[in-house]
C-alpha cells in the first residue's frame, strides 16, 4: 500500500544515511522505479528502508509503497538490524556494534539462550522445554553465512573496545585479528597499543609490551642518617633518581663493562613486570567464549583448576616469605 511520506516516522538513534548511496538509489529509482517497498509498523514508524525513503524524498515524491508489518518495539529493531547486515558499506566496527545490539535483543526475545543454558537447552530445574531454540551465535551465523566462533569474537570486539579505539580501528582499518587482541587488553592499554600499530612501531598486538609505570616519589619524614657502611663498588646498573626502566636494564645487560649484579630497584622492576604480565594474561579468559563454558564445568574440572591455582599461590607465597626472611636476616 502507498503511504504519504509525511506520515512516516523515523526514530532517533538510527544509523546516519550515506549521501552517496542515497544519490545512487535516486538515479536507479528514476530509471527502473522503486523495486522494493520500505517496511513500516502499524504506527507507520520506519522499520527498514531509510535510504530508499531519503532517495524518493530527493526525487520529490509525496507517497511511497510500503509493507506494513505487525512487528513492533525490539522485534522491529531486530528486523532493521538484519536488513542493515545486507548492506555492503558497513565499516568493521559498525558491523560488530550491530552484532552486539542484535545479541542484546535476541536474548531479550529468547531469554532461555542466555549464558548458562548451552545450545538453547534447559537445565533439570527449568519448567519448560526450549529444545530447538538456537543460541544467538548459531542463529546469527546461519543468517550471515559465517561460523558461530566468528560471531562470538566480533561481539567480544564490540563489547570490550573503548569508543576511542573503535574509531582508530575503523579509521586505519586495523585487521580483525589485531582488533580482537586489542579487545583483550585493559582499557588504558588499548589506545597505546593501537597507536603503536598505526605508527608501525609494532606489526601485531603480540609485540606490544606496556612500560611499567614508575611510582611517584613521596616525601617521608627525615630520620637520622645511620653510620656510613664500608664503601663497596657501586653496581653500574644502579639507578640515579628512581627505578630503572626495562629499556635501561636491557642496555645495561648489553654493555660488557657494566656490573652484572642485581640491585633492589632492578629486582623490583623486573618482578613487578612479571606480575603485571601475569595479570594481563588472565584477562584473556574473560571473553564470551569462556563465559559460555564456565557454567558447565564439572566438579572434577573445578578441582583440577583449584589445584593449579593453589600451586601458583603457594609459589608466590613461598617467594614472598623467602624475601621477607632474608630481608629480616640482613637487618639483624
Protein backbone atom coordinates (compact mmCIF):
# COMPACT_ATOMS: atom_id res chain seq x y z
CA UNK A 1 0.00 0.00 0.00
CA UNK A 2 1.06 3.59 -0.58
CA UNK A 3 1.50 5.90 2.41
CA UNK A 4 2.05 9.68 2.39
CA UNK A 5 5.70 10.31 3.14
CA UNK A 6 4.94 12.97 5.74
CA UNK A 7 3.14 10.32 7.86
CA UNK A 8 6.22 8.06 8.08
CA UNK A 9 8.12 8.48 11.36
CA UNK A 10 11.84 7.80 11.72
CA UNK A 11 13.04 7.06 15.25
CA UNK A 12 16.05 8.90 16.64
CA UNK A 13 19.28 6.95 17.06
CA UNK A 14 19.15 5.20 13.68
CA UNK A 15 22.32 4.98 11.61
CA UNK A 16 23.02 8.09 9.56
CA UNK A 17 22.32 7.83 5.86
CA UNK A 18 25.13 7.69 3.33
CA UNK A 19 24.56 10.65 0.92
CA UNK A 20 26.38 8.86 -1.90
CA UNK A 21 24.17 5.79 -1.51
CA UNK A 22 21.04 7.98 -1.48
CA UNK A 23 22.00 9.64 -4.78
CA UNK A 24 22.78 6.28 -6.38
CA UNK A 25 19.39 4.97 -5.28
CA UNK A 26 17.58 8.03 -6.58
CA UNK A 27 19.22 7.57 -10.00
CA UNK A 28 18.21 3.89 -10.01
CA UNK A 29 14.63 4.67 -8.95
CA UNK A 30 14.37 7.28 -11.71
CA UNK A 31 15.32 4.63 -14.28
CA UNK A 32 13.55 1.48 -13.05
CA UNK A 33 11.24 2.63 -10.27
CA UNK A 34 11.13 1.51 -6.62
CA UNK A 35 11.67 -2.24 -6.81
CA UNK A 36 11.44 -3.00 -3.08
CA UNK A 37 8.90 -1.24 -0.83
CA UNK A 38 10.04 0.09 2.52
CA UNK A 39 8.75 -1.52 5.73
CA UNK A 40 6.86 0.29 8.49
CA UNK A 41 5.00 -0.84 11.61
CA UNK A 42 1.33 -0.31 12.36
CA UNK A 43 2.04 3.26 13.52
CA UNK A 44 3.92 4.00 10.27
CA UNK A 45 7.27 4.04 12.07
CA UNK A 46 10.06 3.02 9.70
CA UNK A 47 11.48 -0.45 10.26
CA UNK A 48 13.59 -0.89 7.11
CA UNK A 49 14.39 1.21 4.06
CA UNK A 50 15.77 4.54 5.30
CA UNK A 51 17.98 5.08 2.24
CA UNK A 52 15.07 4.30 -0.12
CA UNK A 53 12.89 6.75 1.80
CA UNK A 54 15.52 9.51 1.57
CA UNK A 55 16.03 8.76 -2.13
CA UNK A 56 12.35 9.27 -3.03
CA UNK A 57 12.27 12.44 -0.90
CA UNK A 58 15.16 13.68 -3.04
CA UNK A 59 13.03 12.97 -6.10
CA UNK A 60 10.12 14.95 -4.67
CA UNK A 61 7.74 12.01 -4.16
CA UNK A 62 4.77 12.63 -1.86
CA UNK A 63 3.95 8.97 -1.15
CA UNK A 64 5.78 5.65 -1.22
CA UNK A 65 4.92 1.97 -1.46
CA UNK A 66 5.15 0.31 1.98
CA UNK A 67 4.88 -3.09 3.58
CA UNK A 68 3.08 -2.70 6.89
CA UNK A 69 4.43 -5.14 9.48
CA UNK A 70 2.88 -6.22 12.76
CA UNK A 71 6.33 -6.17 14.34
CA UNK A 72 6.85 -3.53 16.99
CA UNK A 73 9.43 -2.42 19.53
CA UNK A 74 12.53 -4.54 19.73
CA UNK A 75 11.26 -7.00 17.12
CA UNK A 76 11.15 -4.17 14.62
CA UNK A 77 14.65 -3.11 15.62
CA UNK A 78 15.87 -6.67 15.13
CA UNK A 79 14.39 -6.72 11.63
CA UNK A 80 16.09 -3.41 10.84
CA UNK A 81 19.45 -4.72 12.07
CA UNK A 82 19.15 -7.84 9.92
CA UNK A 83 18.45 -5.70 6.87
CA UNK A 84 21.47 -3.48 7.61
CA UNK A 85 23.75 -6.53 7.53
CA UNK A 86 22.91 -6.90 3.84
CA UNK A 87 24.43 -3.52 3.05
CA UNK A 88 27.99 -3.55 1.73
CA UNK A 89 29.24 -0.23 3.10
CA UNK A 90 29.23 -1.01 6.81
CA UNK A 91 32.58 -0.38 8.45
CA UNK A 92 34.12 -3.15 10.55
CA UNK A 93 33.13 -1.53 13.84
CA UNK A 94 29.60 -0.65 12.62
CA UNK A 95 29.18 -4.32 11.72
CA UNK A 96 30.45 -5.50 15.10
CA UNK A 97 28.32 -2.97 17.01
CA UNK A 98 25.23 -4.20 15.15
CA UNK A 99 26.10 -7.76 16.17
CA UNK A 100 26.37 -6.71 19.80
CA UNK A 101 22.98 -4.96 19.67
CA UNK A 102 21.46 -7.98 17.90
CA UNK A 103 22.73 -10.20 20.72
CA UNK A 104 21.10 -7.96 23.33
CA UNK A 105 17.74 -8.02 21.50
CA UNK A 106 17.90 -11.74 20.70
CA UNK A 107 18.47 -12.67 24.32
CA UNK A 108 15.59 -10.44 25.43
CA UNK A 109 13.30 -12.24 22.97
CA UNK A 110 14.80 -15.65 23.84
CA UNK A 111 15.95 -15.46 27.49
CA UNK A 112 16.45 -19.23 27.55
CA UNK A 113 19.52 -18.81 25.32
CA UNK A 114 21.41 -16.59 27.73
CA UNK A 115 24.66 -17.60 29.42
CA UNK A 116 24.36 -20.81 31.37
CA UNK A 117 21.90 -22.58 29.06
CA UNK A 118 24.08 -24.06 26.42
CA UNK A 119 22.77 -24.66 22.90
CA UNK A 120 19.34 -23.46 23.92
CA UNK A 121 18.61 -26.45 26.18
CA UNK A 122 17.13 -26.21 29.63
CA UNK A 123 18.65 -27.44 32.85
CA UNK A 124 16.93 -30.04 35.01
CA UNK A 125 15.35 -27.32 37.13
CA UNK A 126 13.72 -25.43 34.23
CA UNK A 127 9.95 -25.79 33.99
CA UNK A 128 9.53 -25.50 30.22
CA UNK A 129 11.26 -27.14 27.31
CA UNK A 130 13.13 -24.90 24.89
CA UNK A 131 14.76 -27.65 22.86
CA UNK A 132 15.25 -26.38 19.34
CA UNK A 133 15.83 -22.74 20.28
CA UNK A 134 19.11 -21.75 18.69
CA UNK A 135 21.74 -19.81 20.57
CA UNK A 136 22.41 -16.26 19.43
CA UNK A 137 25.70 -17.20 17.79
CA UNK A 138 24.14 -20.16 15.94
CA UNK A 139 21.14 -18.18 14.69
CA UNK A 140 23.26 -15.22 13.60
CA UNK A 141 25.95 -17.35 11.98
CA UNK A 142 23.37 -19.11 9.82
CA UNK A 143 21.86 -15.79 8.69
CA UNK A 144 25.24 -14.23 7.86
CA UNK A 145 26.96 -17.30 6.44
CA UNK A 146 29.82 -17.31 8.97
CA UNK A 147 30.83 -19.54 11.88
CA UNK A 148 29.43 -19.11 15.41
CA UNK A 149 33.02 -18.60 16.58
CA UNK A 150 33.37 -15.58 14.27
CA UNK A 151 30.15 -14.11 15.64
CA UNK A 152 31.33 -14.55 19.25
CA UNK A 153 34.69 -12.90 18.56
CA UNK A 154 33.14 -9.93 16.77
CA UNK A 155 30.75 -9.40 19.68
CA UNK A 156 33.75 -9.50 22.03
CA UNK A 157 35.44 -6.77 19.99
CA UNK A 158 32.36 -4.53 20.05
CA UNK A 159 31.81 -5.13 23.76
CA UNK A 160 35.35 -4.64 25.04
CA UNK A 161 36.96 -1.98 22.84
CA UNK A 162 36.76 1.60 24.08
CA UNK A 163 35.00 4.15 21.82
CA UNK A 164 38.31 5.87 21.10
CA UNK A 165 39.97 2.65 19.96
CA UNK A 166 36.94 1.71 17.84
CA UNK A 167 37.50 4.96 15.95
CA UNK A 168 41.18 4.13 15.43
CA UNK A 169 40.34 0.62 14.22
CA UNK A 170 37.87 1.97 11.65
CA UNK A 171 39.92 4.97 10.53
CA UNK A 172 43.13 3.00 9.97
CA UNK A 173 41.46 -0.28 9.03
CA UNK A 174 43.18 -2.36 11.66
CA UNK A 175 42.54 -6.01 10.82
CA UNK A 176 40.24 -8.42 12.62
CA UNK A 177 42.97 -10.37 14.42
CA UNK A 178 44.64 -7.31 15.88
CA UNK A 179 41.26 -5.78 16.78
CA UNK A 180 40.43 -8.97 18.69
CA UNK A 181 43.76 -8.86 20.54
CA UNK A 182 43.23 -5.18 21.37
CA UNK A 183 39.87 -6.07 22.91
CA UNK A 184 41.66 -8.38 25.35
CA UNK A 185 43.88 -5.60 26.70
CA UNK A 186 42.97 -3.42 29.63
CA UNK A 187 41.14 -0.23 28.52
CA UNK A 188 44.06 2.01 29.49
CA UNK A 189 46.42 -0.04 27.28
CA UNK A 190 44.24 -0.40 24.17
CA UNK A 191 44.84 3.08 22.77
CA UNK A 192 48.60 2.91 23.35
CA UNK A 193 48.83 -0.43 21.53
CA UNK A 194 46.57 0.81 18.71
CA UNK A 195 48.72 3.93 18.25
CA UNK A 196 51.83 1.75 18.01
CA UNK A 197 50.13 -0.37 15.34
CA UNK A 198 49.19 2.71 13.32
CA UNK A 199 52.68 4.23 13.59
CA UNK A 200 54.32 0.95 12.54
CA UNK A 201 56.21 0.61 15.83
CA UNK A 202 54.70 -2.87 16.12
CA UNK A 203 53.18 -5.11 13.47
CA UNK A 204 50.99 -7.14 15.81
CA UNK A 205 49.45 -6.60 19.23
CA UNK A 206 51.51 -9.63 20.30
CA UNK A 207 54.56 -7.34 20.15
CA UNK A 208 53.02 -4.76 22.49
CA UNK A 209 54.65 -4.52 25.93
CA UNK A 210 53.36 -1.83 28.29
CA UNK A 211 56.07 0.12 30.04
CA UNK A 212 55.76 -0.31 33.83
CA UNK A 213 54.62 2.89 35.49
CA UNK A 214 57.25 4.09 37.93
CA UNK A 215 55.83 5.01 41.33
CA UNK A 216 55.69 8.70 42.13
CA UNK A 217 58.18 9.89 44.68
CA UNK A 218 56.63 10.67 48.06
CA UNK A 219 58.11 12.70 50.84
CA UNK A 220 58.98 10.79 54.00
CA UNK A 221 59.93 12.13 57.42
CA UNK A 222 63.61 12.77 57.81
CA UNK A 223 65.37 10.26 60.03
CA UNK A 224 68.89 10.41 61.46
CA UNK A 225 71.33 9.01 58.97
CA UNK A 226 72.93 5.71 60.06
CA UNK A 227 76.69 5.38 60.12
CA UNK A 228 78.11 5.10 56.66
CA UNK A 229 78.86 1.44 55.75
CA UNK A 230 82.19 0.45 54.25
CA UNK A 231 82.40 1.51 50.64
CA UNK A 232 81.82 -1.21 48.05
CA UNK A 233 81.93 -0.89 44.28
CA UNK A 234 78.61 0.55 43.13
CA UNK A 235 76.83 -1.63 40.55
CA UNK A 236 76.87 0.17 37.21
CA UNK A 237 73.18 -0.62 36.67
CA UNK A 238 72.12 1.15 39.86
CA UNK A 239 69.55 3.86 39.05
CA UNK A 240 70.00 7.56 39.59
CA UNK A 241 66.87 9.28 40.88
CA UNK A 242 64.44 6.30 40.74
CA UNK A 243 63.86 2.77 39.50
CA UNK A 244 65.39 1.94 36.11
CA UNK A 245 63.11 1.16 33.20
CA UNK A 246 63.12 -2.16 31.33
CA UNK A 247 64.88 -0.45 28.43
CA UNK A 248 67.65 0.84 30.74
CA UNK A 249 68.14 -2.61 32.26
CA UNK A 250 68.38 -4.14 28.78
CA UNK A 251 71.00 -1.57 27.80
CA UNK A 252 72.99 -2.44 30.91
CA UNK A 253 72.95 -6.13 30.02
CA UNK A 254 74.37 -5.39 26.55
CA UNK A 255 77.27 -3.34 27.93
CA UNK A 256 80.29 -5.62 28.62
CA UNK A 257 81.77 -3.09 31.08
CA UNK A 258 78.69 -2.96 33.30
CA UNK A 259 78.38 -4.69 36.64
CA UNK A 260 76.03 -7.66 36.29
CA UNK A 261 74.84 -7.73 39.88
CA UNK A 262 71.12 -7.33 40.53
CA UNK A 263 70.06 -4.31 42.60
CA UNK A 264 66.95 -3.92 44.79
CA UNK A 265 65.44 -1.49 42.30
CA UNK A 266 66.12 -3.65 39.26
CA UNK A 267 64.67 -6.66 41.08
CA UNK A 268 61.52 -4.68 41.92
CA UNK A 269 61.06 -3.55 38.31
CA UNK A 270 61.53 -6.98 36.73
CA UNK A 271 59.43 -8.82 39.34
CA UNK A 272 56.64 -6.21 39.09
CA UNK A 273 56.73 -6.52 35.30
CA UNK A 274 56.35 -10.31 35.57
CA UNK A 275 53.29 -9.93 37.85
CA UNK A 276 51.78 -7.31 35.56
CA UNK A 277 52.08 -9.57 32.52
CA UNK A 278 50.59 -12.44 34.52
CA UNK A 279 47.52 -10.33 35.40
CA UNK A 280 47.15 -9.22 31.77
CA UNK A 281 47.25 -12.84 30.63
CA UNK A 282 44.38 -13.62 33.00
CA UNK A 283 42.21 -11.14 31.05
CA UNK A 284 42.37 -13.50 28.05
CA UNK A 285 39.90 -15.73 29.92
CA UNK A 286 37.15 -13.08 30.25
CA UNK A 287 35.75 -13.24 26.71
CA UNK A 288 32.28 -14.51 25.75
CA UNK A 289 33.67 -17.84 24.53
CA UNK A 290 34.79 -18.60 28.11
CA UNK A 291 31.61 -17.17 29.66
CA UNK A 292 29.69 -19.85 27.77
CA UNK A 293 31.93 -22.65 29.09
CA UNK A 294 32.33 -21.75 32.78
CA UNK A 295 28.76 -22.59 33.85
CA UNK A 296 29.05 -26.16 32.52
CA UNK A 297 32.37 -27.10 34.14
CA UNK A 298 32.13 -30.29 36.17
CA UNK A 299 33.19 -30.75 39.77
CA UNK A 300 36.28 -32.62 38.54
CA UNK A 301 37.20 -29.66 36.32
CA UNK A 302 36.82 -27.29 39.25
CA UNK A 303 39.04 -29.45 41.47
CA UNK A 304 41.80 -29.53 38.84
CA UNK A 305 41.61 -25.76 38.43
CA UNK A 306 41.71 -25.31 42.21
CA UNK A 307 44.85 -27.44 42.48
CA UNK A 308 46.65 -25.39 39.79
CA UNK A 309 45.58 -22.09 41.36
CA UNK A 310 46.83 -23.34 44.74
CA UNK A 311 50.23 -24.21 43.22
CA UNK A 312 50.55 -20.68 41.81
CA UNK A 313 49.52 -19.18 45.15
CA UNK A 314 51.98 -21.34 47.07
CA UNK A 315 54.83 -20.44 44.70
CA UNK A 316 54.19 -16.71 45.10
CA UNK A 317 53.71 -17.07 48.84
CA UNK A 318 56.97 -19.02 49.19
CA UNK A 319 58.80 -16.37 47.15
CA UNK A 320 57.49 -13.57 49.33
CA UNK A 321 58.38 -15.33 52.60
CA UNK A 322 61.87 -16.05 51.28
CA UNK A 323 62.32 -12.34 50.52
CA UNK A 324 60.93 -11.42 53.94
CA UNK A 325 63.18 -13.87 55.82
CA UNK A 326 66.33 -12.75 54.05
CA UNK A 327 65.48 -9.07 54.44
CA UNK A 328 64.95 -9.53 58.19
CA UNK A 329 68.19 -11.53 58.46
CA UNK A 330 70.10 -8.76 56.69
CA UNK A 331 68.58 -6.17 59.03
CA UNK A 332 69.88 -8.04 62.07
